[in-house]
Amino acid sequence: MIGDIISSVLLLLGATMALTTSIGMLRFPDTLSRMHASTKPQTFGLLLVLIGAMIRLGRNVDVGMLVLACLFALITAPVIAHRIGRLVYQEQRARDGLIAREDMESGTRD
């Protein structure tokens, strides 16, 4: 009974975080802002949903897969966000004439 209530609350909170992600993606003007809106609450919302599902499943064998999904999300989300942010930043600098396209391709550090 209590586990079902906690699970439901976590699932609803996770769904709310996903909703805020979609609203942020629609409303924010530029790519960096949209990226921030899509990575922070989306990852946290996914973790809440997965934890709620783990509580609901109890001692089921599938809980191990949910733990792996949580770990995978925590490991990959920051790396992907960093790579996208770096690419967008360099593209904007190139568009504004602050960096040459050749410098972007050679892999020089900022």
N, C-alpha and C. Protein backbone atom coordinates (compact mmCIF):
# COMPACT_ATOMS: atom_id res chain seq x y z
N MET A 1 0.83 -1.20 0.00
CA MET A 1 0.00 0.00 0.00
C MET A 1 0.87 1.26 0.00
N ILE A 2 1.78 1.37 0.94
CA ILE A 2 2.65 2.55 1.01
C ILE A 2 3.59 2.56 -0.19
N GLY A 3 4.08 1.38 -0.59
CA GLY A 3 4.95 1.30 -1.76
C GLY A 3 4.25 1.75 -3.03
N ASP A 4 2.96 1.42 -3.14
CA ASP A 4 2.19 1.86 -4.31
C ASP A 4 2.03 3.38 -4.34
N ILE A 5 1.82 3.97 -3.17
CA ILE A 5 1.67 5.43 -3.10
C ILE A 5 2.99 6.11 -3.46
N ILE A 6 4.08 5.63 -2.89
CA ILE A 6 5.40 6.22 -3.19
C ILE A 6 5.72 6.04 -4.66
N SER A 7 5.45 4.86 -5.18
CA SER A 7 5.70 4.59 -6.60
C SER A 7 4.88 5.53 -7.49
N SER A 8 3.62 5.72 -7.15
CA SER A 8 2.75 6.61 -7.94
C SER A 8 3.23 8.05 -7.90
N VAL A 9 3.65 8.49 -6.72
CA VAL A 9 4.15 9.86 -6.59
C VAL A 9 5.41 10.05 -7.43
N LEU A 10 6.33 9.08 -7.38
CA LEU A 10 7.56 9.19 -8.17
C LEU A 10 7.26 9.17 -9.67
N LEU A 11 6.32 8.33 -10.08
CA LEU A 11 5.95 8.28 -11.50
C LEU A 11 5.33 9.60 -11.95
N LEU A 12 4.47 10.18 -11.12
CA LEU A 12 3.86 11.46 -11.48
C LEU A 12 4.89 12.59 -11.50
N LEU A 13 5.80 12.60 -10.54
CA LEU A 13 6.86 13.61 -10.55
C LEU A 13 7.75 13.48 -11.79
N GLY A 14 8.08 12.25 -12.14
CA GLY A 14 8.89 12.02 -13.34
C GLY A 14 8.18 12.46 -14.60
N ALA A 15 6.87 12.18 -14.67
CA ALA A 15 6.09 12.62 -15.83
C ALA A 15 6.00 14.14 -15.88
N THR A 16 5.91 14.77 -14.71
CA THR A 16 5.88 16.24 -14.67
C THR A 16 7.20 16.83 -15.14
N MET A 17 8.30 16.20 -14.76
CA MET A 17 9.60 16.68 -15.23
C MET A 17 9.71 16.53 -16.75
N ALA A 18 9.19 15.44 -17.30
CA ALA A 18 9.20 15.27 -18.75
C ALA A 18 8.34 16.33 -19.42
N LEU A 19 7.23 16.69 -18.79
CA LEU A 19 6.37 17.75 -19.33
C LEU A 19 7.10 19.09 -19.34
N THR A 20 7.81 19.40 -18.25
CA THR A 20 8.57 20.66 -18.23
C THR A 20 9.67 20.67 -19.27
N THR A 21 10.25 19.51 -19.54
CA THR A 21 11.24 19.41 -20.61
C THR A 21 10.64 19.76 -21.95
N SER A 22 9.48 19.22 -22.24
CA SER A 22 8.86 19.50 -23.54
C SER A 22 8.44 20.95 -23.65
N ILE A 23 7.96 21.54 -22.57
CA ILE A 23 7.60 22.97 -22.60
C ILE A 23 8.84 23.82 -22.83
N GLY A 24 9.94 23.48 -22.15
CA GLY A 24 11.19 24.22 -22.33
C GLY A 24 11.72 24.10 -23.75
N MET A 25 11.58 22.93 -24.35
CA MET A 25 12.03 22.75 -25.74
C MET A 25 11.22 23.62 -26.70
N LEU A 26 9.97 23.82 -26.41
CA LEU A 26 9.13 24.63 -27.29
C LEU A 26 9.33 26.13 -27.06
N ARG A 27 9.59 26.53 -25.84
CA ARG A 27 9.57 27.95 -25.51
C ARG A 27 10.94 28.64 -25.57
N PHE A 28 12.02 27.91 -25.31
CA PHE A 28 13.32 28.56 -25.28
C PHE A 28 13.78 28.89 -26.70
N PRO A 29 14.48 30.05 -26.86
CA PRO A 29 14.78 30.54 -28.21
C PRO A 29 15.98 29.90 -28.90
N ASP A 30 17.03 29.59 -28.17
CA ASP A 30 18.24 29.12 -28.84
C ASP A 30 18.60 27.70 -28.42
N THR A 31 19.56 27.15 -29.12
CA THR A 31 19.92 25.74 -28.94
C THR A 31 20.49 25.47 -27.55
N LEU A 32 21.33 26.34 -27.03
CA LEU A 32 21.92 26.11 -25.72
C LEU A 32 20.86 26.10 -24.62
N SER A 33 19.91 27.00 -24.70
CA SER A 33 18.83 27.02 -23.72
C SER A 33 17.97 25.77 -23.84
N ARG A 34 17.68 25.38 -25.05
CA ARG A 34 16.89 24.16 -25.25
C ARG A 34 17.63 22.93 -24.76
N MET A 35 18.94 22.92 -24.96
CA MET A 35 19.73 21.80 -24.50
C MET A 35 19.69 21.71 -22.97
N HIS A 36 19.77 22.84 -22.30
CA HIS A 36 19.68 22.85 -20.84
C HIS A 36 18.32 22.32 -20.39
N ALA A 37 17.27 22.76 -21.08
CA ALA A 37 15.93 22.31 -20.71
C ALA A 37 15.73 20.83 -21.00
N SER A 38 16.42 20.31 -21.98
CA SER A 38 16.21 18.91 -22.34
C SER A 38 17.06 17.94 -21.54
N THR A 39 18.18 18.38 -20.99
CA THR A 39 19.05 17.44 -20.30
C THR A 39 18.79 17.37 -18.80
N LYS A 40 18.65 18.50 -18.16
CA LYS A 40 18.53 18.50 -16.69
C LYS A 40 17.24 17.84 -16.21
N PRO A 41 16.07 18.38 -16.53
CA PRO A 41 14.85 17.75 -15.99
C PRO A 41 14.53 16.40 -16.64
N GLN A 42 14.96 16.21 -17.85
CA GLN A 42 14.66 14.94 -18.52
C GLN A 42 15.38 13.78 -17.83
N THR A 43 16.64 13.97 -17.49
CA THR A 43 17.40 12.92 -16.82
C THR A 43 16.84 12.67 -15.43
N PHE A 44 16.55 13.73 -14.70
CA PHE A 44 15.99 13.57 -13.36
C PHE A 44 14.61 12.92 -13.42
N GLY A 45 13.79 13.33 -14.39
CA GLY A 45 12.47 12.73 -14.55
C GLY A 45 12.56 11.26 -14.90
N LEU A 46 13.49 10.90 -15.76
CA LEU A 46 13.68 9.50 -16.12
C LEU A 46 14.07 8.68 -14.89
N LEU A 47 14.97 9.23 -14.08
CA LEU A 47 15.39 8.52 -12.87
C LEU A 47 14.21 8.34 -11.91
N LEU A 48 13.38 9.37 -11.77
CA LEU A 48 12.21 9.25 -10.90
C LEU A 48 11.26 8.16 -11.39
N VAL A 49 11.02 8.14 -12.70
CA VAL A 49 10.14 7.11 -13.27
C VAL A 49 10.72 5.72 -13.07
N LEU A 50 12.01 5.57 -13.30
CA LEU A 50 12.64 4.26 -13.13
C LEU A 50 12.64 3.81 -11.67
N ILE A 51 12.88 4.73 -10.75
CA ILE A 51 12.85 4.38 -9.33
C ILE A 51 11.43 4.02 -8.91
N GLY A 52 10.44 4.77 -9.42
CA GLY A 52 9.05 4.42 -9.13
C GLY A 52 8.69 3.04 -9.66
N ALA A 53 9.19 2.71 -10.84
CA ALA A 53 8.95 1.38 -11.40
C ALA A 53 9.66 0.31 -10.59
N MET A 54 10.87 0.61 -10.10
CA MET A 54 11.58 -0.37 -9.26
C MET A 54 10.82 -0.66 -7.98
N ILE A 55 10.29 0.38 -7.37
CA ILE A 55 9.52 0.19 -6.14
C ILE A 55 8.27 -0.65 -6.43
N ARG A 56 7.63 -0.36 -7.54
CA ARG A 56 6.41 -1.09 -7.90
C ARG A 56 6.71 -2.55 -8.22
N LEU A 57 7.83 -2.83 -8.86
CA LEU A 57 8.16 -4.20 -9.21
C LEU A 57 8.61 -5.03 -8.01
N GLY A 58 9.15 -4.38 -7.00
CA GLY A 58 9.58 -5.10 -5.81
C GLY A 58 10.84 -5.92 -6.07
N ARG A 59 10.74 -7.22 -5.86
CA ARG A 59 11.90 -8.10 -6.01
C ARG A 59 11.90 -8.83 -7.35
N ASN A 60 11.28 -8.25 -8.33
CA ASN A 60 11.24 -8.84 -9.67
C ASN A 60 12.63 -8.83 -10.30
N VAL A 61 12.86 -9.73 -11.21
CA VAL A 61 14.14 -9.85 -11.90
C VAL A 61 14.42 -8.61 -12.77
N ASP A 62 13.39 -7.93 -13.24
CA ASP A 62 13.56 -6.79 -14.13
C ASP A 62 14.12 -5.56 -13.43
N VAL A 63 14.19 -5.55 -12.12
CA VAL A 63 14.73 -4.40 -11.39
C VAL A 63 16.20 -4.19 -11.75
N GLY A 64 16.93 -5.26 -11.98
CA GLY A 64 18.34 -5.14 -12.38
C GLY A 64 18.50 -4.38 -13.69
N MET A 65 17.60 -4.63 -14.62
CA MET A 65 17.65 -3.90 -15.89
C MET A 65 17.34 -2.42 -15.68
N LEU A 66 16.43 -2.12 -14.77
CA LEU A 66 16.11 -0.72 -14.48
C LEU A 66 17.28 -0.01 -13.82
N VAL A 67 18.00 -0.72 -12.97
CA VAL A 67 19.21 -0.14 -12.35
C VAL A 67 20.24 0.15 -13.43
N LEU A 68 20.42 -0.76 -14.37
CA LEU A 68 21.36 -0.52 -15.47
C LEU A 68 20.91 0.65 -16.33
N ALA A 69 19.62 0.79 -16.56
CA ALA A 69 19.11 1.93 -17.33
C ALA A 69 19.38 3.24 -16.60
N CYS A 70 19.23 3.24 -15.27
CA CYS A 70 19.55 4.44 -14.48
C CYS A 70 21.02 4.81 -14.61
N LEU A 71 21.87 3.82 -14.45
CA LEU A 71 23.31 4.07 -14.55
C LEU A 71 23.70 4.56 -15.95
N PHE A 72 23.12 3.95 -16.97
CA PHE A 72 23.41 4.35 -18.34
C PHE A 72 22.99 5.80 -18.57
N ALA A 73 21.81 6.17 -18.06
CA ALA A 73 21.33 7.56 -18.22
C ALA A 73 22.25 8.53 -17.48
N LEU A 74 22.68 8.17 -16.29
CA LEU A 74 23.55 9.07 -15.52
C LEU A 74 24.93 9.21 -16.14
N ILE A 75 25.40 8.18 -16.80
CA ILE A 75 26.73 8.24 -17.41
C ILE A 75 26.70 8.97 -18.75
N THR A 76 25.70 8.69 -19.58
CA THR A 76 25.71 9.23 -20.94
C THR A 76 25.13 10.63 -21.07
N ALA A 77 24.17 11.00 -20.27
CA ALA A 77 23.51 12.31 -20.43
C ALA A 77 24.48 13.49 -20.31
N PRO A 78 25.35 13.54 -19.30
CA PRO A 78 26.28 14.68 -19.23
C PRO A 78 27.27 14.71 -20.39
N VAL A 79 27.72 13.55 -20.83
CA VAL A 79 28.69 13.50 -21.93
C VAL A 79 28.05 14.00 -23.21
N ILE A 80 26.84 13.55 -23.49
CA ILE A 80 26.15 13.98 -24.71
C ILE A 80 25.86 15.48 -24.65
N ALA A 81 25.41 15.96 -23.49
CA ALA A 81 25.11 17.39 -23.35
C ALA A 81 26.37 18.23 -23.56
N HIS A 82 27.50 17.76 -23.03
CA HIS A 82 28.74 18.50 -23.21
C HIS A 82 29.15 18.56 -24.68
N ARG A 83 29.06 17.44 -25.37
CA ARG A 83 29.45 17.40 -26.79
C ARG A 83 28.54 18.29 -27.63
N ILE A 84 27.25 18.24 -27.39
CA ILE A 84 26.32 19.08 -28.16
C ILE A 84 26.57 20.55 -27.86
N GLY A 85 26.75 20.87 -26.58
CA GLY A 85 27.01 22.27 -26.21
C GLY A 85 28.28 22.80 -26.83
N ARG A 86 29.31 22.00 -26.84
CA ARG A 86 30.58 22.43 -27.45
C ARG A 86 30.43 22.65 -28.95
N LEU A 87 29.73 21.75 -29.61
CA LEU A 87 29.51 21.89 -31.05
C LEU A 87 28.70 23.14 -31.37
N VAL A 88 27.64 23.39 -30.62
CA VAL A 88 26.80 24.56 -30.85
C VAL A 88 27.60 25.83 -30.59
N TYR A 89 28.39 25.84 -29.52
CA TYR A 89 29.19 27.01 -29.20
C TYR A 89 30.19 27.31 -30.32
N GLN A 90 30.86 26.28 -30.82
CA GLN A 90 31.82 26.49 -31.90
C GLN A 90 31.13 26.93 -33.19
N GLU A 91 29.98 26.36 -33.49
CA GLU A 91 29.25 26.76 -34.69
C GLU A 91 28.82 28.22 -34.61
N GLN A 92 28.39 28.65 -33.42
CA GLN A 92 27.98 30.04 -33.28
C GLN A 92 29.17 30.98 -33.39
N ARG A 93 30.30 30.58 -32.83
CA ARG A 93 31.50 31.40 -32.97
C ARG A 93 31.93 31.49 -34.43
N ALA A 94 31.80 30.40 -35.16
CA ALA A 94 32.15 30.41 -36.58
C ALA A 94 31.19 31.30 -37.36
N ARG A 95 29.92 31.24 -37.01
CA ARG A 95 28.91 32.05 -37.70
C ARG A 95 29.15 33.54 -37.45
N ASP A 96 29.60 33.87 -36.24
CA ASP A 96 29.86 35.27 -35.90
C ASP A 96 31.23 35.74 -36.37
N GLY A 97 32.01 34.85 -36.96
CA GLY A 97 33.33 35.23 -37.48
C GLY A 97 34.42 35.26 -36.43
N LEU A 98 34.21 34.67 -35.27
CA LEU A 98 35.20 34.70 -34.20
C LEU A 98 36.18 33.54 -34.27
N ILE A 99 35.87 32.53 -35.07
CA ILE A 99 36.75 31.38 -35.22
C ILE A 99 36.65 30.92 -36.67
N ALA A 100 37.77 30.47 -37.20
CA ALA A 100 37.78 29.98 -38.58
C ALA A 100 37.31 28.54 -38.62
N ARG A 101 36.69 28.15 -39.72
CA ARG A 101 36.22 26.77 -39.86
C ARG A 101 37.38 25.77 -39.78
N GLU A 102 38.55 26.18 -40.25
CA GLU A 102 39.70 25.28 -40.22
C GLU A 102 40.12 24.99 -38.78
N ASP A 103 39.99 25.98 -37.91
CA ASP A 103 40.35 25.78 -36.50
C ASP A 103 39.39 24.79 -35.84
N MET A 104 38.14 24.80 -36.25
CA MET A 104 37.16 23.86 -35.69
C MET A 104 37.50 22.43 -36.11
N GLU A 105 37.89 22.27 -37.35
CA GLU A 105 38.15 20.93 -37.87
C GLU A 105 39.45 20.34 -37.35
N SER A 106 40.42 21.19 -37.00
CA SER A 106 41.70 20.66 -36.55
C SER A 106 41.67 20.21 -35.11
N GLY A 107 40.59 20.53 -34.39
CA GLY A 107 40.45 20.05 -33.03
C GLY A 107 41.22 20.88 -32.01
N THR A 108 41.50 22.14 -32.31
CA THR A 108 42.20 22.99 -31.34
C THR A 108 41.27 23.31 -30.18
N ARG A 109 41.88 23.49 -29.01
CA ARG A 109 41.12 23.79 -27.80
C ARG A 109 40.74 25.26 -27.80
N ASP A 110 39.64 25.57 -27.08
CA ASP A 110 39.18 26.98 -26.95
C ASP A 110 40.10 27.76 -26.06
